[in-house]
PDB file of N, CA and C in Angstrom:
ATOM      1  N   MET A   1       2.120 -57.089 -59.273  1.00  0.00           N
ATOM      2  CA  MET A   1       3.427 -56.348 -59.351  1.00  0.00           C
ATOM      3  C   MET A   1       4.341 -56.690 -58.306  1.00  0.00           C
ATOM      4  N   SER A   2       5.618 -56.930 -58.530  1.00  0.00           N
ATOM      5  CA  SER A   2       6.545 -57.369 -57.513  1.00  0.00           C
ATOM      6  C   SER A   2       6.799 -56.177 -56.603  1.00  0.00           C
ATOM      7  N   GLY A   3       7.270 -56.524 -55.390  1.00  0.00           N
ATOM      8  CA  GLY A   3       7.672 -55.624 -54.418  1.00  0.00           C
ATOM      9  C   GLY A   3       8.669 -54.332 -54.952  1.00  0.00           C
ATOM     10  N   ARG A   4       9.677 -54.883 -55.546  1.00  0.00           N
ATOM     11  CA  ARG A   4      10.722 -53.909 -55.874  1.00  0.00           C
ATOM     12  C   ARG A   4      10.281 -53.049 -57.108  1.00  0.00           C
ATOM     13  N   MET A   5       9.371 -53.472 -57.950  1.00  0.00           N
ATOM     14  CA  MET A   5       8.943 -52.670 -59.180  1.00  0.00           C
ATOM     15  C   MET A   5       7.879 -51.697 -58.445  1.00  0.00           C
ATOM     16  N   ARG A   6       7.139 -52.101 -57.495  1.00  0.00           N
ATOM     17  CA  ARG A   6       6.128 -51.109 -56.855  1.00  0.00           C
ATOM     18  C   ARG A   6       6.720 -50.115 -56.161  1.00  0.00           C
ATOM     19  N   GLU A   7       7.856 -50.424 -55.349  1.00  0.00           N
ATOM     20  CA  GLU A   7       8.519 -49.429 -54.684  1.00  0.00           C
ATOM     21  C   GLU A   7       9.282 -48.372 -55.703  1.00  0.00           C
ATOM     22  N   THR A   8       9.670 -48.952 -56.781  1.00  0.00           N
ATOM     23  CA  THR A   8      10.268 -48.061 -57.639  1.00  0.00           C
ATOM     24  C   THR A   8       9.167 -47.110 -58.385  1.00  0.00           C
ATOM     25  N   GLY A   9       8.081 -47.727 -58.721  1.00  0.00           N
ATOM     26  CA  GLY A   9       6.984 -46.914 -59.280  1.00  0.00           C
ATOM     27  C   GLY A   9       6.594 -45.728 -58.316  1.00  0.00           C
ATOM     28  N   VAL A  10       6.499 -46.149 -57.004  1.00  0.00           N
ATOM     29  CA  VAL A  10       5.994 -45.095 -55.959  1.00  0.00           C
ATOM     30  C   VAL A  10       6.953 -43.969 -55.857  1.00  0.00           C
ATOM     31  N   THR A  11       8.280 -44.419 -55.873  1.00  0.00           N
ATOM     32  CA  THR A  11       9.317 -43.415 -55.690  1.00  0.00           C
ATOM     33  C   THR A  11       9.330 -42.669 -56.988  1.00  0.00           C
ATOM     34  N   LEU A  12       9.022 -43.055 -58.140  1.00  0.00           N
ATOM     35  CA  LEU A  12       9.105 -42.367 -59.366  1.00  0.00           C
ATOM     36  C   LEU A  12       7.928 -41.364 -59.314  1.00  0.00           C
ATOM     37  N   CYS A  13       6.679 -41.717 -58.924  1.00  0.00           N
ATOM     38  CA  CYS A  13       5.680 -40.783 -58.953  1.00  0.00           C
ATOM     39  C   CYS A  13       5.970 -39.723 -57.820  1.00  0.00           C
ATOM     40  N   GLY A  14       6.641 -39.970 -56.605  1.00  0.00           N
ATOM     41  CA  GLY A  14       6.873 -38.986 -55.749  1.00  0.00           C
ATOM     42  C   GLY A  14       7.789 -37.949 -56.362  1.00  0.00           C
ATOM     43  N   LEU A  15       8.844 -38.452 -57.115  1.00  0.00           N
ATOM     44  CA  LEU A  15       9.768 -37.651 -57.506  1.00  0.00           C
ATOM     45  C   LEU A  15       9.184 -36.786 -58.687  1.00  0.00           C
ATOM     46  N   VAL A  16       8.378 -37.208 -59.483  1.00  0.00           N
ATOM     47  CA  VAL A  16       7.778 -36.364 -60.484  1.00  0.00           C
ATOM     48  C   VAL A  16       6.910 -35.259 -59.815  1.00  0.00           C
ATOM     49  N   SER A  17       6.048 -35.779 -58.814  1.00  0.00           N
ATOM     50  CA  SER A  17       5.234 -34.497 -58.194  1.00  0.00           C
ATOM     51  C   SER A  17       6.214 -33.602 -57.531  1.00  0.00           C
ATOM     52  N   SER A  18       7.235 -33.997 -56.837  1.00  0.00           N
ATOM     53  CA  SER A  18       8.045 -33.009 -56.209  1.00  0.00           C
ATOM     54  C   SER A  18       8.766 -32.137 -57.200  1.00  0.00           C
ATOM     55  N   VAL A  19       9.196 -32.666 -58.392  1.00  0.00           N
ATOM     56  CA  VAL A  19      10.000 -31.862 -59.284  1.00  0.00           C
ATOM     57  C   VAL A  19       8.894 -30.853 -59.992  1.00  0.00           C
ATOM     58  N   LEU A  20       7.580 -31.306 -60.202  1.00  0.00           N
ATOM     59  CA  LEU A  20       6.594 -30.446 -60.676  1.00  0.00           C
ATOM     60  C   LEU A  20       6.221 -29.405 -59.829  1.00  0.00           C
ATOM     61  N   THR A  21       6.110 -29.690 -58.610  1.00  0.00           N
ATOM     62  CA  THR A  21       5.781 -28.635 -57.503  1.00  0.00           C
ATOM     63  C   THR A  21       6.777 -27.686 -57.445  1.00  0.00           C
ATOM     64  N   ALA A  22       8.132 -27.982 -57.406  1.00  0.00           N
ATOM     65  CA  ALA A  22       9.219 -27.128 -57.396  1.00  0.00           C
ATOM     66  C   ALA A  22       9.258 -26.266 -58.633  1.00  0.00           C
ATOM     67  N   LEU A  23       8.865 -26.750 -59.754  1.00  0.00           N
ATOM     68  CA  LEU A  23       8.859 -26.031 -61.077  1.00  0.00           C
ATOM     69  C   LEU A  23       7.744 -25.064 -60.976  1.00  0.00           C
ATOM     70  N   ILE A  24       6.563 -25.438 -60.500  1.00  0.00           N
ATOM     71  CA  ILE A  24       5.413 -24.451 -60.508  1.00  0.00           C
ATOM     72  C   ILE A  24       5.779 -23.379 -59.492  1.00  0.00           C
ATOM     73  N   LEU A  25       6.317 -23.750 -58.397  1.00  0.00           N
ATOM     74  CA  LEU A  25       6.672 -22.728 -57.265  1.00  0.00           C
ATOM     75  C   LEU A  25       7.631 -21.685 -57.834  1.00  0.00           C
ATOM     76  N   TRP A  26       8.648 -22.212 -58.752  1.00  0.00           N
ATOM     77  CA  TRP A  26       9.605 -21.264 -59.166  1.00  0.00           C
ATOM     78  C   TRP A  26       9.181 -20.484 -60.374  1.00  0.00           C
ATOM     79  N   LEU A  27       8.252 -20.921 -61.208  1.00  0.00           N
ATOM     80  CA  LEU A  27       7.720 -20.254 -62.139  1.00  0.00           C
ATOM     81  C   LEU A  27       6.759 -19.022 -61.694  1.00  0.00           C
ATOM     82  N   VAL A  28       6.082 -19.477 -60.611  1.00  0.00           N
ATOM     83  CA  VAL A  28       5.225 -18.442 -60.084  1.00  0.00           C
ATOM     84  C   VAL A  28       5.996 -17.254 -59.349  1.00  0.00           C
ATOM     85  N   GLU A  29       7.097 -17.649 -58.655  1.00  0.00           N
ATOM     86  CA  GLU A  29       7.929 -16.619 -58.031  1.00  0.00           C
ATOM     87  C   GLU A  29       8.693 -15.763 -59.129  1.00  0.00           C
ATOM     88  N   TRP A  30       8.993 -16.514 -60.202  1.00  0.00           N
ATOM     89  CA  TRP A  30       9.873 -15.776 -61.217  1.00  0.00           C
ATOM     90  C   TRP A  30       8.959 -14.796 -61.946  1.00  0.00           C
ATOM     91  N   LYS A  31       7.616 -15.310 -62.289  1.00  0.00           N
ATOM     92  CA  LYS A  31       6.783 -14.446 -63.250  1.00  0.00           C
ATOM     93  C   LYS A  31       6.057 -13.495 -62.354  1.00  0.00           C
ATOM     94  N   PHE A  32       5.731 -13.695 -61.229  1.00  0.00           N
ATOM     95  CA  PHE A  32       4.850 -12.695 -60.411  1.00  0.00           C
ATOM     96  C   PHE A  32       5.664 -12.035 -59.267  1.00  0.00           C
ATOM     97  N   ASN A  33       6.892 -12.483 -58.971  1.00  0.00           N
ATOM     98  CA  ASN A  33       7.763 -12.112 -57.832  1.00  0.00           C
ATOM     99  C   ASN A  33       7.029 -12.273 -56.436  1.00  0.00           C
ATOM    100  N   PHE A  34       6.339 -13.448 -56.396  1.00  0.00           N
ATOM    101  CA  PHE A  34       5.763 -13.764 -55.265  1.00  0.00           C
ATOM    102  C   PHE A  34       5.867 -15.164 -54.799  1.00  0.00           C
ATOM    103  N   GLY A  35       6.409 -15.579 -53.683  1.00  0.00           N
ATOM    104  CA  GLY A  35       6.579 -16.920 -53.351  1.00  0.00           C
ATOM    105  C   GLY A  35       5.251 -17.503 -52.525  1.00  0.00           C
ATOM    106  N   ILE A  36       4.680 -18.525 -53.207  1.00  0.00           N
ATOM    107  CA  ILE A  36       3.427 -19.086 -52.627  1.00  0.00           C
ATOM    108  C   ILE A  36       3.725 -19.705 -51.128  1.00  0.00           C
ATOM    109  N   TYR A  37       4.952 -20.292 -50.983  1.00  0.00           N
ATOM    110  CA  TYR A  37       5.284 -20.826 -49.756  1.00  0.00           C
ATOM    111  C   TYR A  37       5.505 -19.720 -48.629  1.00  0.00           C
ATOM    112  N   THR A  38       5.345 -18.474 -48.901  1.00  0.00           N
ATOM    113  CA  THR A  38       5.609 -17.456 -47.912  1.00  0.00           C
ATOM    114  C   THR A  38       4.080 -17.059 -47.253  1.00  0.00           C
ATOM    115  N   LEU A  39       3.113 -17.743 -47.850  1.00  0.00           N
ATOM    116  CA  LEU A  39       1.704 -17.183 -47.311  1.00  0.00           C
ATOM    117  C   LEU A  39       1.692 -17.812 -46.032  1.00  0.00           C
ATOM    118  N   SER A  40       1.116 -17.005 -45.013  1.00  0.00           N
ATOM    119  CA  SER A  40       0.835 -17.387 -43.565  1.00  0.00           C
ATOM    120  C   SER A  40      -0.361 -16.710 -42.982  1.00  0.00           C
ATOM    121  N   VAL A  41      -0.881 -17.314 -41.845  1.00  0.00           N
ATOM    122  CA  VAL A  41      -1.923 -16.647 -41.219  1.00  0.00           C
ATOM    123  C   VAL A  41      -1.490 -16.231 -39.985  1.00  0.00           C
ATOM    124  N   LEU A  42      -1.492 -14.956 -39.772  1.00  0.00           N
ATOM    125  CA  LEU A  42      -1.110 -14.212 -38.454  1.00  0.00           C
ATOM    126  C   LEU A  42       0.310 -14.477 -38.230  1.00  0.00           C
ATOM    127  N   PHE A  43       1.154 -14.760 -39.087  1.00  0.00           N
ATOM    128  CA  PHE A  43       2.585 -15.060 -39.117  1.00  0.00           C
ATOM    129  C   PHE A  43       2.920 -16.339 -38.239  1.00  0.00           C
ATOM    130  N   LEU A  44       1.855 -17.130 -38.000  1.00  0.00           N
ATOM    131  CA  LEU A  44       2.259 -18.295 -37.168  1.00  0.00           C
ATOM    132  C   LEU A  44       1.922 -19.549 -37.967  1.00  0.00           C
ATOM    133  N   ILE A  45       0.827 -19.590 -38.754  1.00  0.00           N
ATOM    134  CA  ILE A  45       0.612 -20.820 -39.540  1.00  0.00           C
ATOM    135  C   ILE A  45       1.057 -20.645 -41.174  1.00  0.00           C
ATOM    136  N   PRO A  46       2.073 -21.352 -41.438  1.00  0.00           N
ATOM    137  CA  PRO A  46       2.566 -21.184 -42.842  1.00  0.00           C
ATOM    138  C   PRO A  46       1.749 -22.098 -43.880  1.00  0.00           C
ATOM    139  N   LEU A  47       0.727 -21.488 -44.321  1.00  0.00           N
ATOM    140  CA  LEU A  47      -0.277 -22.170 -45.070  1.00  0.00           C
ATOM    141  C   LEU A  47       0.309 -22.393 -46.514  1.00  0.00           C
ATOM    142  N   GLY A  48       1.130 -21.564 -47.046  1.00  0.00           N
ATOM    143  CA  GLY A  48       1.810 -21.801 -48.272  1.00  0.00           C
ATOM    144  C   GLY A  48       2.801 -22.798 -48.382  1.00  0.00           C
ATOM    145  N   ALA A  49       3.474 -22.933 -47.274  1.00  0.00           N
ATOM    146  CA  ALA A  49       4.565 -23.904 -47.012  1.00  0.00           C
ATOM    147  C   ALA A  49       3.886 -25.370 -46.872  1.00  0.00           C
ATOM    148  N   ILE A  50       2.672 -25.350 -46.069  1.00  0.00           N
ATOM    149  CA  ILE A  50       2.094 -26.635 -45.857  1.00  0.00           C
ATOM    150  C   ILE A  50       1.412 -27.132 -47.184  1.00  0.00           C
ATOM    151  N   ALA A  51       0.843 -26.228 -47.980  1.00  0.00           N
ATOM    152  CA  ALA A  51       0.231 -26.472 -49.312  1.00  0.00           C
ATOM    153  C   ALA A  51       1.290 -27.015 -50.362  1.00  0.00           C
ATOM    154  N   SER A  52       2.359 -26.386 -50.381  1.00  0.00           N
ATOM    155  CA  SER A  52       3.518 -26.869 -51.148  1.00  0.00           C
ATOM    156  C   SER A  52       3.977 -28.218 -50.783  1.00  0.00           C
ATOM    157  N   GLY A  53       4.126 -28.403 -49.471  1.00  0.00           N
ATOM    158  CA  GLY A  53       4.466 -29.799 -49.043  1.00  0.00           C
ATOM    159  C   GLY A  53       3.564 -30.755 -49.292  1.00  0.00           C
ATOM    160  N   VAL A  54       2.280 -30.544 -49.380  1.00  0.00           N
ATOM    161  CA  VAL A  54       1.208 -31.559 -49.670  1.00  0.00           C
ATOM    162  C   VAL A  54       1.212 -31.846 -51.092  1.00  0.00           C
ATOM    163  N   ALA A  55       1.389 -30.735 -51.823  1.00  0.00           N
ATOM    164  CA  ALA A  55       1.440 -31.056 -53.325  1.00  0.00           C
ATOM    165  C   ALA A  55       2.623 -31.795 -53.788  1.00  0.00           C
ATOM    166  N   ALA A  56       3.814 -31.580 -53.047  1.00  0.00           N
ATOM    167  CA  ALA A  56       4.994 -32.291 -53.428  1.00  0.00           C
ATOM    168  C   ALA A  56       4.886 -33.784 -53.029  1.00  0.00           C
ATOM    169  N   ALA A  57       4.366 -34.040 -51.856  1.00  0.00           N
ATOM    170  CA  ALA A  57       4.119 -35.430 -51.314  1.00  0.00           C
ATOM    171  C   ALA A  57       3.080 -36.171 -51.831  1.00  0.00           C
ATOM    172  N   SER A  58       2.122 -35.545 -52.555  1.00  0.00           N
ATOM    173  CA  SER A  58       0.915 -36.201 -53.014  1.00  0.00           C
ATOM    174  C   SER A  58       1.297 -37.342 -53.940  1.00  0.00           C
ATOM    175  N   GLY A  59       2.327 -37.061 -54.753  1.00  0.00           N
ATOM    176  CA  GLY A  59       2.735 -38.219 -55.664  1.00  0.00           C
ATOM    177  C   GLY A  59       3.170 -39.480 -54.950  1.00  0.00           C
ATOM    178  N   TYR A  60       3.769 -39.400 -53.878  1.00  0.00           N
ATOM    179  CA  TYR A  60       4.085 -40.639 -53.169  1.00  0.00           C
ATOM    180  C   TYR A  60       2.771 -41.300 -52.695  1.00  0.00           C
ATOM    181  N   TYR A  61       1.894 -40.540 -52.157  1.00  0.00           N
ATOM    182  CA  TYR A  61       0.542 -41.117 -51.720  1.00  0.00           C
ATOM    183  C   TYR A  61      -0.267 -41.842 -52.747  1.00  0.00           C
ATOM    184  N   LEU A  62      -0.370 -40.964 -54.122  1.00  0.00           N
ATOM    185  CA  LEU A  62      -1.097 -41.458 -55.071  1.00  0.00           C
ATOM    186  C   LEU A  62      -0.409 -42.751 -55.739  1.00  0.00           C
ATOM    187  N   GLY A  63       0.934 -42.722 -55.697  1.00  0.00           N
ATOM    188  CA  GLY A  63       1.685 -43.803 -56.265  1.00  0.00           C
ATOM    189  C   GLY A  63       1.481 -45.081 -55.580  1.00  0.00           C
ATOM    190  N   ALA A  64       1.317 -44.844 -54.200  1.00  0.00           N
ATOM    191  CA  ALA A  64       1.286 -45.949 -53.245  1.00  0.00           C
ATOM    192  C   ALA A  64      -0.193 -46.504 -53.356  1.00  0.00           C
ATOM    193  N   VAL A  65      -1.245 -45.682 -53.520  1.00  0.00           N
ATOM    194  CA  VAL A  65      -2.574 -46.120 -53.663  1.00  0.00           C
ATOM    195  C   VAL A  65      -2.771 -46.881 -55.122  1.00  0.00           C
ATOM    196  N   TRP A  66      -2.333 -46.200 -56.049  1.00  0.00           N
ATOM    197  CA  TRP A  66      -2.568 -46.817 -57.442  1.00  0.00           C
ATOM    198  C   TRP A  66      -1.722 -48.145 -57.686  1.00  0.00           C
ATOM    199  N   LEU A  67      -0.488 -47.999 -57.141  1.00  0.00           N
ATOM    200  CA  LEU A  67       0.343 -49.249 -57.597  1.00  0.00           C
ATOM    201  C   LEU A  67       0.158 -50.206 -56.422  1.00  0.00           C
TER     202      LEU A  67
END
């Protein structure tokens, strides 16, 4: 696969995972009135935000590995 096509594919995978993560976070907050990204340990470590960021960024990683 050419370089330009690979870059486009990786970007598309990342965009899809980011949009899906945002949609899931929105649905959970809308349905249960609870923001997953607000979870934290001792008000110091934002585990929910870290997990949300990892989920959103996972598409870029998987796209880079697969393509």
